[in-house]
Amino acid sequence: HDDRGLCACASKLCAGDVCNRPPRYLRLVSAFANHTVILPDVALTCLTSPSIDDHDRPLVICIHGFPDSAYSWRHLMPALEDAGFRVAAPFIRGYAPSTVSGSGAYQTGASALDVCALHEHFGGDHRAVLIGHDWGAPIVYGAASIEPTRWAKVIAMAVPPGGSMGLAFVTNTDQLKRSWYMFFFQNGLADMVVPANDMAFIDMIWEDWSPGYDATDDLLHVKDALREPEHMAAALGYYRAALGDAFRDPAHIEAQNATQAVPEQPTLYLHGVNDGCIGPEVAESARTMVGDHVEIRLIDGVGHFLHLEAPDVINPQILEFLS
C-alpha cells in the first residue's frame, strides 16, 4: 500500500493487513521502460508504457514541467494504458537522463518541436493526444498549433492557454508576487542558491505550490534529473529564454509563437484552486480568451501538482474527455 492506502492491485481502498502486494508506486515505476530517442539537438529519454509498439492504439505524449520529471506521470500512464492508449513521457530537453541541448536552446518552442519529433518516432497518427503540465502546457500548445494534423485532443494543467498569464504579469500584483522565482532565476545567484543544501529551494517550491502534499517520492526523481550542474543550468535556461537574454534559436521563432496560441483541437484545461504558483483567478480569466472547444475546469482541494495530489480525481476527468 502507498501512503494513501491504495492497494497495488486496484485503485481503491482495501484491507491493508491482508494485501501482500508491493506498494502501488513501486509497481507503477517498474512497469515503465526507458526508450532513448536521438534528435539532431538532443537525446530524449522517455518512459514508455508496455504497449508503446502497438500501433493499433492511439499515442499519448505526456510532457512534464519544472521542477519535475517524467515520473510525474506515474499514476496517469497506467490508467491510459488500461484505457487502450500507448504512452510516451519524455524527460524534456536538459533534464537527466535526457541530454542537454547541443545548441543551448531552451525556449519552449524547441521543446514543442521535440514533441512533434517524438510523434514521428513512435509512429503516431491523427488520433494522438497531448498532455502537458506546467512548462509542459505551453509546450503542448505549441506542438498542437505548429503541426495540428498530428493531434486529436489536448489536455493541459497549471498554465492556462491564451494570454492570461502575460496579462496577469502587468495587471495582477498577487500573481506577480507568486512568480517571483521567475525573475530570481535571471540572476546568476540562482545558479548557487537552487542547488544548495540538496536543492532545498526545490523542496520549498513544491511545498509552496502544492500545500500539504507529501512530495517525497517525486523529489527523489526531480533531484536526480537536476543534480548535475549542466542539467540544473538547462532547467533555469527555460526561464532565461522566456524572460531574459538567453540564447533563442531563430529557427524556432514560428514554434515559439505557437506556444502562446490556443490549440484548435478540443482542449481540456485543469487547474488546482490551491495552486501556489499560478492563482485560480488567472485560469478564470482565460475563459474569455478561448473558444467553446476549450473547457476550463477548476479543481477544489488541490494545488499545482494536481495530477499527483489527487490522481483519483484527475485521471477519471482525463479519461472521460478522451473517451
C-alpha atoms as a PDB file:
ATOM      1  CA  HIS A   1       0.000   0.000   0.000  1.00  0.00           C
ATOM      2  CA  ASP A   2       1.075   3.555  -0.634  1.00  0.00           C
ATOM      3  CA  ASP A   3       0.683   6.351   1.902  1.00  0.00           C
ATOM      4  CA  ARG A   4      -2.944   6.865   0.868  1.00  0.00           C
ATOM      5  CA  GLY A   5      -3.813   3.216   1.482  1.00  0.00           C
ATOM      6  CA  LEU A   6      -4.102   2.438  -2.213  1.00  0.00           C
ATOM      7  CA  CYS A   7      -3.674  -1.216  -2.980  1.00  0.00           C
ATOM      8  CA  ALA A   8      -1.226  -2.354  -5.639  1.00  0.00           C
ATOM      9  CA  CYS A   9      -3.929  -4.469  -7.233  1.00  0.00           C
ATOM     10  CA  ALA A  10      -6.601  -1.759  -7.540  1.00  0.00           C
ATOM     11  CA  SER A  11      -7.082   1.974  -7.226  1.00  0.00           C
ATOM     12  CA  LYS A  12      -9.473   1.645  -4.278  1.00  0.00           C
ATOM     13  CA  LEU A  13      -9.197   1.153  -0.554  1.00  0.00           C
ATOM     14  CA  CYS A  14      -8.716  -2.356   0.710  1.00  0.00           C
ATOM     15  CA  ALA A  15      -7.748  -4.076   3.959  1.00  0.00           C
ATOM     16  CA  GLY A  16      -4.018  -3.432   4.189  1.00  0.00           C
ATOM     17  CA  ASP A  17      -3.389  -6.293   6.613  1.00  0.00           C
ATOM     18  CA  VAL A  18      -4.460  -8.898   4.026  1.00  0.00           C
ATOM     19  CA  CYS A  19      -2.729  -7.497   0.934  1.00  0.00           C
ATOM     20  CA  ASN A  20       0.825  -8.737   0.356  1.00  0.00           C
ATOM     21  CA  ARG A  21       1.445  -6.955  -2.938  1.00  0.00           C
ATOM     22  CA  PRO A  22       4.156  -4.284  -3.274  1.00  0.00           C
ATOM     23  CA  PRO A  23       3.330  -0.578  -2.941  1.00  0.00           C
ATOM     24  CA  ARG A  24       1.436   0.763  -5.928  1.00  0.00           C
ATOM     25  CA  TYR A  25       4.135   3.395  -6.506  1.00  0.00           C
ATOM     26  CA  LEU A  26       6.783   0.697  -6.963  1.00  0.00           C
ATOM     27  CA  ARG A  27       4.552  -1.314  -9.267  1.00  0.00           C
ATOM     28  CA  LEU A  28       3.864   1.718 -11.455  1.00  0.00           C
ATOM     29  CA  VAL A  29       7.522   2.691 -11.750  1.00  0.00           C
ATOM     30  CA  SER A  30       8.634  -0.855 -12.557  1.00  0.00           C
ATOM     31  CA  ALA A  31       6.123  -1.061 -15.411  1.00  0.00           C
ATOM     32  CA  PHE A  32       7.834   1.710 -17.391  1.00  0.00           C
ATOM     33  CA  ALA A  33      10.596   1.131 -19.926  1.00  0.00           C
ATOM     34  CA  ASN A  34      13.297   3.638 -20.844  1.00  0.00           C
ATOM     35  CA  HIS A  35      13.453   4.499 -24.529  1.00  0.00           C
ATOM     36  CA  THR A  36      16.007   6.992 -25.856  1.00  0.00           C
ATOM     37  CA  VAL A  37      15.202   8.970 -28.987  1.00  0.00           C
ATOM     38  CA  ILE A  38      18.122  10.649 -30.758  1.00  0.00           C
ATOM     39  CA  LEU A  39      17.177  14.008 -32.272  1.00  0.00           C
ATOM     40  CA  PRO A  40      19.522  16.465 -34.030  1.00  0.00           C
ATOM     41  CA  ASP A  41      19.940  18.735 -30.996  1.00  0.00           C
ATOM     42  CA  VAL A  42      19.198  16.442 -28.055  1.00  0.00           C
ATOM     43  CA  ALA A  43      18.746  12.822 -26.978  1.00  0.00           C
ATOM     44  CA  LEU A  44      15.443  12.411 -25.141  1.00  0.00           C
ATOM     45  CA  THR A  45      14.919   9.561 -22.699  1.00  0.00           C
ATOM     46  CA  CYS A  46      11.257   8.604 -22.474  1.00  0.00           C
ATOM     47  CA  LEU A  47       9.315   6.463 -20.054  1.00  0.00           C
ATOM     48  CA  THR A  48       7.097   4.271 -22.215  1.00  0.00           C
ATOM     49  CA  SER A  49       4.110   2.090 -21.424  1.00  0.00           C
ATOM     50  CA  PRO A  50       4.203  -1.647 -22.184  1.00  0.00           C
ATOM     51  CA  SER A  51       2.122  -1.239 -25.357  1.00  0.00           C
ATOM     52  CA  ILE A  52       4.236   1.531 -26.903  1.00  0.00           C
ATOM     53  CA  ASP A  53       4.848  -0.528 -30.078  1.00  0.00           C
ATOM     54  CA  ASP A  54       1.172  -1.424 -30.564  1.00  0.00           C
ATOM     55  CA  HIS A  55       0.209   0.954 -33.353  1.00  0.00           C
ATOM     56  CA  ASP A  56      -3.429  -0.066 -33.160  1.00  0.00           C
ATOM     57  CA  ARG A  57      -3.571   2.086 -30.024  1.00  0.00           C
ATOM     58  CA  PRO A  58      -3.631   5.901 -30.156  1.00  0.00           C
ATOM     59  CA  LEU A  59      -0.404   7.515 -28.976  1.00  0.00           C
ATOM     60  CA  VAL A  60      -0.374   9.819 -25.936  1.00  0.00           C
ATOM     61  CA  ILE A  61       2.651  12.016 -25.207  1.00  0.00           C
ATOM     62  CA  CYS A  62       2.900  13.449 -21.672  1.00  0.00           C
ATOM     63  CA  ILE A  63       5.157  16.453 -21.004  1.00  0.00           C
ATOM     64  CA  HIS A  64       6.307  17.479 -17.528  1.00  0.00           C
ATOM     65  CA  GLY A  65       7.402  20.899 -16.326  1.00  0.00           C
ATOM     66  CA  PHE A  66       9.558  22.484 -13.607  1.00  0.00           C
ATOM     67  CA  PRO A  67      10.753  21.309 -11.183  1.00  0.00           C
ATOM     68  CA  ASP A  68       9.647  17.828 -12.166  1.00  0.00           C
ATOM     69  CA  SER A  69      10.465  14.713 -14.146  1.00  0.00           C
ATOM     70  CA  ALA A  70       8.775  12.174 -16.389  1.00  0.00           C
ATOM     71  CA  TYR A  71       7.851  10.195 -13.274  1.00  0.00           C
ATOM     72  CA  SER A  72       5.231  12.875 -12.716  1.00  0.00           C
ATOM     73  CA  TRP A  73       3.026  10.700 -14.951  1.00  0.00           C
ATOM     74  CA  ARG A  74       3.375   7.500 -12.918  1.00  0.00           C
ATOM     75  CA  HIS A  75      -0.304   7.499 -11.913  1.00  0.00           C
ATOM     76  CA  LEU A  76      -1.736   8.561 -15.269  1.00  0.00           C
ATOM     77  CA  MET A  77       0.311   6.329 -17.571  1.00  0.00           C
ATOM     78  CA  PRO A  78      -1.133   3.009 -16.292  1.00  0.00           C
ATOM     79  CA  ALA A  79      -4.651   4.459 -16.447  1.00  0.00           C
ATOM     80  CA  LEU A  80      -4.120   5.470 -20.077  1.00  0.00           C
ATOM     81  CA  GLU A  81      -2.619   2.075 -20.881  1.00  0.00           C
ATOM     82  CA  ASP A  82      -5.630   0.330 -19.334  1.00  0.00           C
ATOM     83  CA  ALA A  83      -7.945   2.591 -21.356  1.00  0.00           C
ATOM     84  CA  GLY A  84      -6.415   1.465 -24.671  1.00  0.00           C
ATOM     85  CA  PHE A  85      -3.716   4.067 -25.298  1.00  0.00           C
ATOM     86  CA  ARG A  86       0.062   3.757 -25.607  1.00  0.00           C
ATOM     87  CA  VAL A  87       2.090   6.362 -23.791  1.00  0.00           C
ATOM     88  CA  ALA A  88       5.478   8.071 -24.006  1.00  0.00           C
ATOM     89  CA  ALA A  89       6.626  10.550 -21.353  1.00  0.00           C
ATOM     90  CA  PRO A  90       9.989  12.197 -22.090  1.00  0.00           C
ATOM     91  CA  PHE A  91      12.325  13.897 -19.701  1.00  0.00           C
ATOM     92  CA  ILE A  92      12.255  17.232 -21.522  1.00  0.00           C
ATOM     93  CA  ARG A  93      15.457  18.573 -23.044  1.00  0.00           C
ATOM     94  CA  GLY A  94      18.058  19.267 -20.397  1.00  0.00           C
ATOM     95  CA  TYR A  95      16.502  17.078 -17.692  1.00  0.00           C
ATOM     96  CA  ALA A  96      18.557  13.951 -16.992  1.00  0.00           C
ATOM     97  CA  PRO A  97      18.681  11.265 -18.215  1.00  0.00           C
ATOM     98  CA  SER A  98      17.876  13.219 -21.402  1.00  0.00           C
ATOM     99  CA  THR A  99      20.879  15.192 -22.596  1.00  0.00           C
ATOM    100  CA  VAL A 100      21.385  18.912 -22.546  1.00  0.00           C
ATOM    101  CA  SER A 101      20.737  20.769 -25.774  1.00  0.00           C
ATOM    102  CA  GLY A 102      23.677  20.784 -28.150  1.00  0.00           C
ATOM    103  CA  SER A 103      22.774  24.286 -29.322  1.00  0.00           C
ATOM    104  CA  GLY A 104      21.827  25.563 -25.876  1.00  0.00           C
ATOM    105  CA  ALA A 105      18.229  26.264 -26.967  1.00  0.00           C
ATOM    106  CA  TYR A 106      15.739  26.008 -24.116  1.00  0.00           C
ATOM    107  CA  GLN A 107      12.876  28.102 -25.427  1.00  0.00           C
ATOM    108  CA  THR A 108       9.597  26.211 -25.170  1.00  0.00           C
ATOM    109  CA  GLY A 109       9.283  26.283 -28.955  1.00  0.00           C
ATOM    110  CA  ALA A 110      12.292  23.979 -29.207  1.00  0.00           C
ATOM    111  CA  SER A 111      10.582  21.501 -26.888  1.00  0.00           C
ATOM    112  CA  ALA A 112       7.350  21.781 -28.916  1.00  0.00           C
ATOM    113  CA  LEU A 113       9.289  20.652 -31.976  1.00  0.00           C
ATOM    114  CA  ASP A 114      10.829  17.834 -29.903  1.00  0.00           C
ATOM    115  CA  VAL A 115       7.304  16.619 -29.139  1.00  0.00           C
ATOM    116  CA  CYS A 116       6.379  16.578 -32.823  1.00  0.00           C
ATOM    117  CA  ALA A 117       9.555  14.589 -33.488  1.00  0.00           C
ATOM    118  CA  LEU A 118       8.516  12.063 -30.828  1.00  0.00           C
ATOM    119  CA  HIS A 119       5.157  11.673 -32.576  1.00  0.00           C
ATOM    120  CA  GLU A 120       7.073  10.802 -35.732  1.00  0.00           C
ATOM    121  CA  HIS A 121       9.466   8.452 -33.946  1.00  0.00           C
ATOM    122  CA  PHE A 122       6.736   6.450 -32.221  1.00  0.00           C
ATOM    123  CA  GLY A 123       4.623   6.237 -35.360  1.00  0.00           C
ATOM    124  CA  GLY A 124       1.734   8.328 -34.120  1.00  0.00           C
ATOM    125  CA  ASP A 125      -1.229   9.166 -36.310  1.00  0.00           C
ATOM    126  CA  HIS A 126      -4.075  11.682 -36.314  1.00  0.00           C
ATOM    127  CA  ARG A 127      -5.566  10.096 -33.173  1.00  0.00           C
ATOM    128  CA  ALA A 128      -2.618  11.161 -31.000  1.00  0.00           C
ATOM    129  CA  VAL A 129      -3.155  13.112 -27.777  1.00  0.00           C
ATOM    130  CA  LEU A 130      -1.016  15.694 -25.986  1.00  0.00           C
ATOM    131  CA  ILE A 131      -0.923  16.112 -22.204  1.00  0.00           C
ATOM    132  CA  GLY A 132       1.205  18.774 -20.525  1.00  0.00           C
ATOM    133  CA  HIS A 133       1.746  20.195 -17.044  1.00  0.00           C
ATOM    134  CA  ASP A 134       3.491  23.442 -16.040  1.00  0.00           C
ATOM    135  CA  TRP A 135       6.091  24.149 -18.785  1.00  0.00           C
ATOM    136  CA  GLY A 136       4.570  21.120 -20.464  1.00  0.00           C
ATOM    137  CA  ALA A 137       1.362  23.102 -21.017  1.00  0.00           C
ATOM    138  CA  PRO A 138       2.778  25.776 -23.374  1.00  0.00           C
ATOM    139  CA  ILE A 139       4.939  23.082 -24.942  1.00  0.00           C
ATOM    140  CA  VAL A 140       1.870  21.042 -25.915  1.00  0.00           C
ATOM    141  CA  TYR A 141       0.012  24.183 -27.016  1.00  0.00           C
ATOM    142  CA  GLY A 142       2.936  24.807 -29.345  1.00  0.00           C
ATOM    143  CA  ALA A 143       3.130  21.256 -30.685  1.00  0.00           C
ATOM    144  CA  ALA A 144      -0.629  21.159 -31.287  1.00  0.00           C
ATOM    145  CA  SER A 145      -0.574  24.503 -33.090  1.00  0.00           C
ATOM    146  CA  ILE A 146       2.591  24.141 -35.173  1.00  0.00           C
ATOM    147  CA  GLU A 147       1.626  20.687 -36.553  1.00  0.00           C
ATOM    148  CA  PRO A 148      -2.122  20.392 -35.894  1.00  0.00           C
ATOM    149  CA  THR A 149      -2.812  17.375 -38.103  1.00  0.00           C
ATOM    150  CA  ARG A 150      -0.779  15.155 -35.792  1.00  0.00           C
ATOM    151  CA  TRP A 151      -3.032  15.652 -32.773  1.00  0.00           C
ATOM    152  CA  ALA A 152      -6.680  14.903 -31.979  1.00  0.00           C
ATOM    153  CA  LYS A 153      -7.002  16.380 -28.472  1.00  0.00           C
ATOM    154  CA  VAL A 154      -5.018  18.427 -25.979  1.00  0.00           C
ATOM    155  CA  ILE A 155      -5.037  18.306 -22.176  1.00  0.00           C
ATOM    156  CA  ALA A 156      -3.114  20.841 -20.135  1.00  0.00           C
ATOM    157  CA  MET A 157      -2.690  21.661 -16.466  1.00  0.00           C
ATOM    158  CA  ALA A 158      -1.344  24.508 -14.339  1.00  0.00           C
ATOM    159  CA  VAL A 159      -0.522  27.056 -17.105  1.00  0.00           C
ATOM    160  CA  PRO A 160      -3.650  28.344 -18.871  1.00  0.00           C
ATOM    161  CA  PRO A 161      -3.986  28.690 -22.638  1.00  0.00           C
ATOM    162  CA  GLY A 162      -4.175  32.101 -24.249  1.00  0.00           C
ATOM    163  CA  GLY A 163      -2.707  35.313 -22.918  1.00  0.00           C
ATOM    164  CA  SER A 164      -3.938  35.166 -19.331  1.00  0.00           C
ATOM    165  CA  MET A 165      -0.506  34.660 -17.796  1.00  0.00           C
ATOM    166  CA  GLY A 166       1.021  37.560 -19.700  1.00  0.00           C
ATOM    167  CA  LEU A 167      -1.901  39.757 -18.743  1.00  0.00           C
ATOM    168  CA  ALA A 168      -1.510  38.763 -15.094  1.00  0.00           C
ATOM    169  CA  PHE A 169       2.106  39.925 -15.117  1.00  0.00           C
ATOM    170  CA  VAL A 170       1.003  43.501 -15.801  1.00  0.00           C
ATOM    171  CA  THR A 171      -2.376  43.630 -14.033  1.00  0.00           C
ATOM    172  CA  ASN A 172      -2.279  41.183 -11.107  1.00  0.00           C
ATOM    173  CA  THR A 173       0.160  42.012  -8.323  1.00  0.00           C
ATOM    174  CA  ASP A 174      -0.767  38.855  -6.421  1.00  0.00           C
ATOM    175  CA  GLN A 175       0.368  36.782  -9.393  1.00  0.00           C
ATOM    176  CA  LEU A 176       3.471  38.892  -9.825  1.00  0.00           C
ATOM    177  CA  LYS A 177       4.379  38.027  -6.233  1.00  0.00           C
ATOM    178  CA  ARG A 178       3.760  34.314  -6.854  1.00  0.00           C
ATOM    179  CA  SER A 179       6.037  34.469  -9.900  1.00  0.00           C
ATOM    180  CA  TRP A 180       8.973  35.993  -8.036  1.00  0.00           C
ATOM    181  CA  TYR A 181      11.130  32.925  -8.708  1.00  0.00           C
ATOM    182  CA  MET A 182      10.994  33.508 -12.478  1.00  0.00           C
ATOM    183  CA  PHE A 183      12.714  36.859 -12.022  1.00  0.00           C
ATOM    184  CA  PHE A 184      15.132  35.492  -9.427  1.00  0.00           C
ATOM    185  CA  PHE A 185      16.243  32.876 -11.966  1.00  0.00           C
ATOM    186  CA  GLN A 186      17.511  35.649 -14.258  1.00  0.00           C
ATOM    187  CA  ASN A 187      20.251  36.389 -11.724  1.00  0.00           C
ATOM    188  CA  GLY A 188      23.435  34.342 -11.546  1.00  0.00           C
ATOM    189  CA  LEU A 189      22.855  33.957  -7.802  1.00  0.00           C
ATOM    190  CA  ALA A 190      20.220  31.331  -8.675  1.00  0.00           C
ATOM    191  CA  ASP A 191      22.969  29.059 -10.017  1.00  0.00           C
ATOM    192  CA  MET A 192      24.311  28.813  -6.457  1.00  0.00           C
ATOM    193  CA  VAL A 193      21.111  29.011  -4.428  1.00  0.00           C
ATOM    194  CA  VAL A 194      18.907  26.473  -6.215  1.00  0.00           C
ATOM    195  CA  PRO A 195      21.371  23.522  -5.983  1.00  0.00           C
ATOM    196  CA  ALA A 196      22.474  24.311  -2.409  1.00  0.00           C
ATOM    197  CA  ASN A 197      21.638  22.083   0.582  1.00  0.00           C
ATOM    198  CA  ASP A 198      20.452  19.176  -1.549  1.00  0.00           C
ATOM    199  CA  MET A 199      18.216  21.524  -3.536  1.00  0.00           C
ATOM    200  CA  ALA A 200      16.299  22.829  -0.549  1.00  0.00           C
ATOM    201  CA  PHE A 201      14.977  25.526  -2.892  1.00  0.00           C
ATOM    202  CA  ILE A 202      13.187  22.793  -4.889  1.00  0.00           C
ATOM    203  CA  ASP A 203      11.695  21.375  -1.686  1.00  0.00           C
ATOM    204  CA  MET A 204      10.380  24.856  -0.871  1.00  0.00           C
ATOM    205  CA  ILE A 205       8.832  25.264  -4.331  1.00  0.00           C
ATOM    206  CA  TRP A 206       6.855  22.020  -4.026  1.00  0.00           C
ATOM    207  CA  GLU A 207       5.689  22.917  -0.502  1.00  0.00           C
ATOM    208  CA  ASP A 208       4.536  26.357  -1.621  1.00  0.00           C
ATOM    209  CA  TRP A 209       2.899  25.254  -4.854  1.00  0.00           C
ATOM    210  CA  SER A 210       1.073  22.164  -3.539  1.00  0.00           C
ATOM    211  CA  PRO A 211       0.379  22.877   0.151  1.00  0.00           C
ATOM    212  CA  GLY A 212       0.034  19.748   2.268  1.00  0.00           C
ATOM    213  CA  TYR A 213       1.176  17.300  -0.418  1.00  0.00           C
ATOM    214  CA  ASP A 214       3.938  14.834   0.511  1.00  0.00           C
ATOM    215  CA  ALA A 215       6.295  15.046  -2.472  1.00  0.00           C
ATOM    216  CA  THR A 216       8.963  12.705  -1.092  1.00  0.00           C
ATOM    217  CA  ASP A 217       8.761  10.226  -3.979  1.00  0.00           C
ATOM    218  CA  ASP A 218       8.603  12.958  -6.599  1.00  0.00           C
ATOM    219  CA  LEU A 219      11.538  14.904  -5.224  1.00  0.00           C
ATOM    220  CA  LEU A 220      13.837  11.886  -5.461  1.00  0.00           C
ATOM    221  CA  HIS A 221      13.323  11.828  -9.227  1.00  0.00           C
ATOM    222  CA  VAL A 222      13.333  15.606  -9.629  1.00  0.00           C
ATOM    223  CA  LYS A 223      16.685  15.919  -7.890  1.00  0.00           C
ATOM    224  CA  ASP A 224      18.164  13.081  -9.934  1.00  0.00           C
ATOM    225  CA  ALA A 225      17.113  14.957 -13.079  1.00  0.00           C
ATOM    226  CA  LEU A 226      18.754  18.219 -11.950  1.00  0.00           C
ATOM    227  CA  ARG A 227      21.702  17.175  -9.798  1.00  0.00           C
ATOM    228  CA  GLU A 228      24.453  17.726 -12.347  1.00  0.00           C
ATOM    229  CA  PRO A 229      25.307  21.409 -12.930  1.00  0.00           C
ATOM    230  CA  GLU A 230      24.681  21.289 -16.669  1.00  0.00           C
ATOM    231  CA  HIS A 231      21.181  19.911 -16.119  1.00  0.00           C
ATOM    232  CA  MET A 232      20.373  22.496 -13.448  1.00  0.00           C
ATOM    233  CA  ALA A 233      21.579  25.203 -15.842  1.00  0.00           C
ATOM    234  CA  ALA A 234      19.274  23.778 -18.507  1.00  0.00           C
ATOM    235  CA  ALA A 235      16.252  23.893 -16.186  1.00  0.00           C
ATOM    236  CA  LEU A 236      16.966  27.529 -15.333  1.00  0.00           C
ATOM    237  CA  GLY A 237      17.597  28.130 -19.025  1.00  0.00           C
ATOM    238  CA  TYR A 238      13.892  27.752 -19.821  1.00  0.00           C
ATOM    239  CA  TYR A 239      13.185  30.818 -17.669  1.00  0.00           C
ATOM    240  CA  ARG A 240      16.141  32.748 -19.034  1.00  0.00           C
ATOM    241  CA  ALA A 241      14.995  32.082 -22.582  1.00  0.00           C
ATOM    242  CA  ALA A 242      11.460  33.188 -21.684  1.00  0.00           C
ATOM    243  CA  LEU A 243      12.231  36.389 -19.746  1.00  0.00           C
ATOM    244  CA  GLY A 244      15.949  37.039 -20.049  1.00  0.00           C
ATOM    245  CA  ASP A 245      18.677  37.241 -22.640  1.00  0.00           C
ATOM    246  CA  ALA A 246      19.488  33.526 -23.000  1.00  0.00           C
ATOM    247  CA  PHE A 247      20.038  32.024 -26.434  1.00  0.00           C
ATOM    248  CA  ARG A 248      16.932  31.686 -28.563  1.00  0.00           C
ATOM    249  CA  ASP A 249      17.361  29.715 -31.757  1.00  0.00           C
ATOM    250  CA  PRO A 250      15.947  31.887 -34.567  1.00  0.00           C
ATOM    251  CA  ALA A 251      14.958  28.703 -36.399  1.00  0.00           C
ATOM    252  CA  HIS A 252      12.319  28.145 -33.698  1.00  0.00           C
ATOM    253  CA  ILE A 253      10.532  31.508 -33.931  1.00  0.00           C
ATOM    254  CA  GLU A 254       7.375  30.078 -35.501  1.00  0.00           C
ATOM    255  CA  ALA A 255       7.231  27.247 -32.974  1.00  0.00           C
ATOM    256  CA  GLN A 256       7.839  29.691 -30.133  1.00  0.00           C
ATOM    257  CA  ASN A 257       4.943  31.861 -31.249  1.00  0.00           C
ATOM    258  CA  ALA A 258       2.791  28.733 -31.408  1.00  0.00           C
ATOM    259  CA  THR A 259       3.351  28.061 -27.693  1.00  0.00           C
ATOM    260  CA  GLN A 260       1.264  31.176 -26.984  1.00  0.00           C
ATOM    261  CA  ALA A 261      -1.562  30.088 -29.281  1.00  0.00           C
ATOM    262  CA  VAL A 262      -4.825  28.443 -28.298  1.00  0.00           C
ATOM    263  CA  PRO A 263      -4.873  24.978 -29.908  1.00  0.00           C
ATOM    264  CA  GLU A 264      -7.601  24.388 -32.471  1.00  0.00           C
ATOM    265  CA  GLN A 265      -8.192  20.850 -31.206  1.00  0.00           C
ATOM    266  CA  PRO A 266     -10.699  20.035 -28.439  1.00  0.00           C
ATOM    267  CA  THR A 267      -8.830  21.018 -25.287  1.00  0.00           C
ATOM    268  CA  LEU A 268      -9.319  20.288 -21.599  1.00  0.00           C
ATOM    269  CA  TYR A 269      -7.617  22.580 -19.105  1.00  0.00           C
ATOM    270  CA  LEU A 270      -7.402  21.658 -15.391  1.00  0.00           C
ATOM    271  CA  HIS A 271      -6.227  23.993 -12.614  1.00  0.00           C
ATOM    272  CA  GLY A 272      -5.984  23.466  -8.866  1.00  0.00           C
ATOM    273  CA  VAL A 273      -7.811  26.026  -6.723  1.00  0.00           C
ATOM    274  CA  ASN A 274      -4.984  25.857  -4.150  1.00  0.00           C
ATOM    275  CA  ASP A 275      -2.204  26.362  -6.727  1.00  0.00           C
ATOM    276  CA  GLY A 276       0.550  28.405  -5.090  1.00  0.00           C
ATOM    277  CA  CYS A 277       2.322  29.038  -8.389  1.00  0.00           C
ATOM    278  CA  ILE A 278      -0.456  30.417 -10.598  1.00  0.00           C
ATOM    279  CA  GLY A 279      -3.594  31.653  -8.923  1.00  0.00           C
ATOM    280  CA  PRO A 280      -7.013  30.289  -9.889  1.00  0.00           C
ATOM    281  CA  GLU A 281      -8.108  33.776 -10.911  1.00  0.00           C
ATOM    282  CA  VAL A 282      -5.560  33.592 -13.758  1.00  0.00           C
ATOM    283  CA  ALA A 283      -7.195  30.398 -15.007  1.00  0.00           C
ATOM    284  CA  GLU A 284     -10.630  32.018 -14.679  1.00  0.00           C
ATOM    285  CA  SER A 285      -9.508  34.975 -16.774  1.00  0.00           C
ATOM    286  CA  ALA A 286      -8.524  32.618 -19.596  1.00  0.00           C
ATOM    287  CA  ARG A 287     -12.180  31.733 -20.215  1.00  0.00           C
ATOM    288  CA  THR A 288     -12.702  34.913 -22.247  1.00  0.00           C
ATOM    289  CA  MET A 289      -9.585  34.228 -24.328  1.00  0.00           C
ATOM    290  CA  VAL A 290     -10.508  30.797 -25.696  1.00  0.00           C
ATOM    291  CA  GLY A 291     -13.255  29.348 -27.856  1.00  0.00           C
ATOM    292  CA  ASP A 292     -16.019  26.922 -26.990  1.00  0.00           C
ATOM    293  CA  HIS A 293     -13.761  23.994 -27.903  1.00  0.00           C
ATOM    294  CA  VAL A 294     -11.675  24.677 -24.769  1.00  0.00           C
ATOM    295  CA  GLU A 295     -13.089  23.503 -21.449  1.00  0.00           C
ATOM    296  CA  ILE A 296     -11.585  25.054 -18.314  1.00  0.00           C
ATOM    297  CA  ARG A 297     -12.151  23.275 -15.005  1.00  0.00           C
ATOM    298  CA  LEU A 298     -11.004  24.469 -11.586  1.00  0.00           C
ATOM    299  CA  ILE A 299     -10.452  21.582  -9.179  1.00  0.00           C
ATOM    300  CA  ASP A 300     -11.084  22.084  -5.468  1.00  0.00           C
ATOM    301  CA  GLY A 301      -8.715  20.749  -2.828  1.00  0.00           C
ATOM    302  CA  VAL A 302      -5.566  20.511  -4.960  1.00  0.00           C
ATOM    303  CA  GLY A 303      -2.631  22.729  -5.845  1.00  0.00           C
ATOM    304  CA  HIS A 304      -0.116  22.998  -8.656  1.00  0.00           C
ATOM    305  CA  PHE A 305       0.775  19.294  -8.964  1.00  0.00           C
ATOM    306  CA  LEU A 306      -2.881  18.310  -9.071  1.00  0.00           C
ATOM    307  CA  HIS A 307      -2.391  15.118 -11.101  1.00  0.00           C
ATOM    308  CA  LEU A 308      -0.103  13.805  -8.345  1.00  0.00           C
ATOM    309  CA  GLU A 309      -2.086  15.118  -5.400  1.00  0.00           C
ATOM    310  CA  ALA A 310      -5.383  13.570  -6.474  1.00  0.00           C
ATOM    311  CA  PRO A 311      -4.991  11.055  -9.317  1.00  0.00           C
ATOM    312  CA  ASP A 312      -8.313   9.508  -8.307  1.00  0.00           C
ATOM    313  CA  VAL A 313      -9.934  12.847  -9.190  1.00  0.00           C
ATOM    314  CA  ILE A 314      -7.837  13.943 -12.168  1.00  0.00           C
ATOM    315  CA  ASN A 315      -7.399  10.644 -14.044  1.00  0.00           C
ATOM    316  CA  PRO A 316     -11.143   9.998 -14.492  1.00  0.00           C
ATOM    317  CA  GLN A 317     -11.635  13.516 -15.869  1.00  0.00           C
ATOM    318  CA  ILE A 318      -8.882  12.973 -18.408  1.00  0.00           C
ATOM    319  CA  LEU A 319     -10.188   9.550 -19.421  1.00  0.00           C
ATOM    320  CA  GLU A 320     -13.733  10.878 -19.747  1.00  0.00           C
ATOM    321  CA  PHE A 321     -12.508  13.687 -22.012  1.00  0.00           C
ATOM    322  CA  LEU A 322     -10.657  11.185 -24.195  1.00  0.00           C
ATOM    323  CA  SER A 323     -13.482   8.643 -24.387  1.00  0.00           C
END
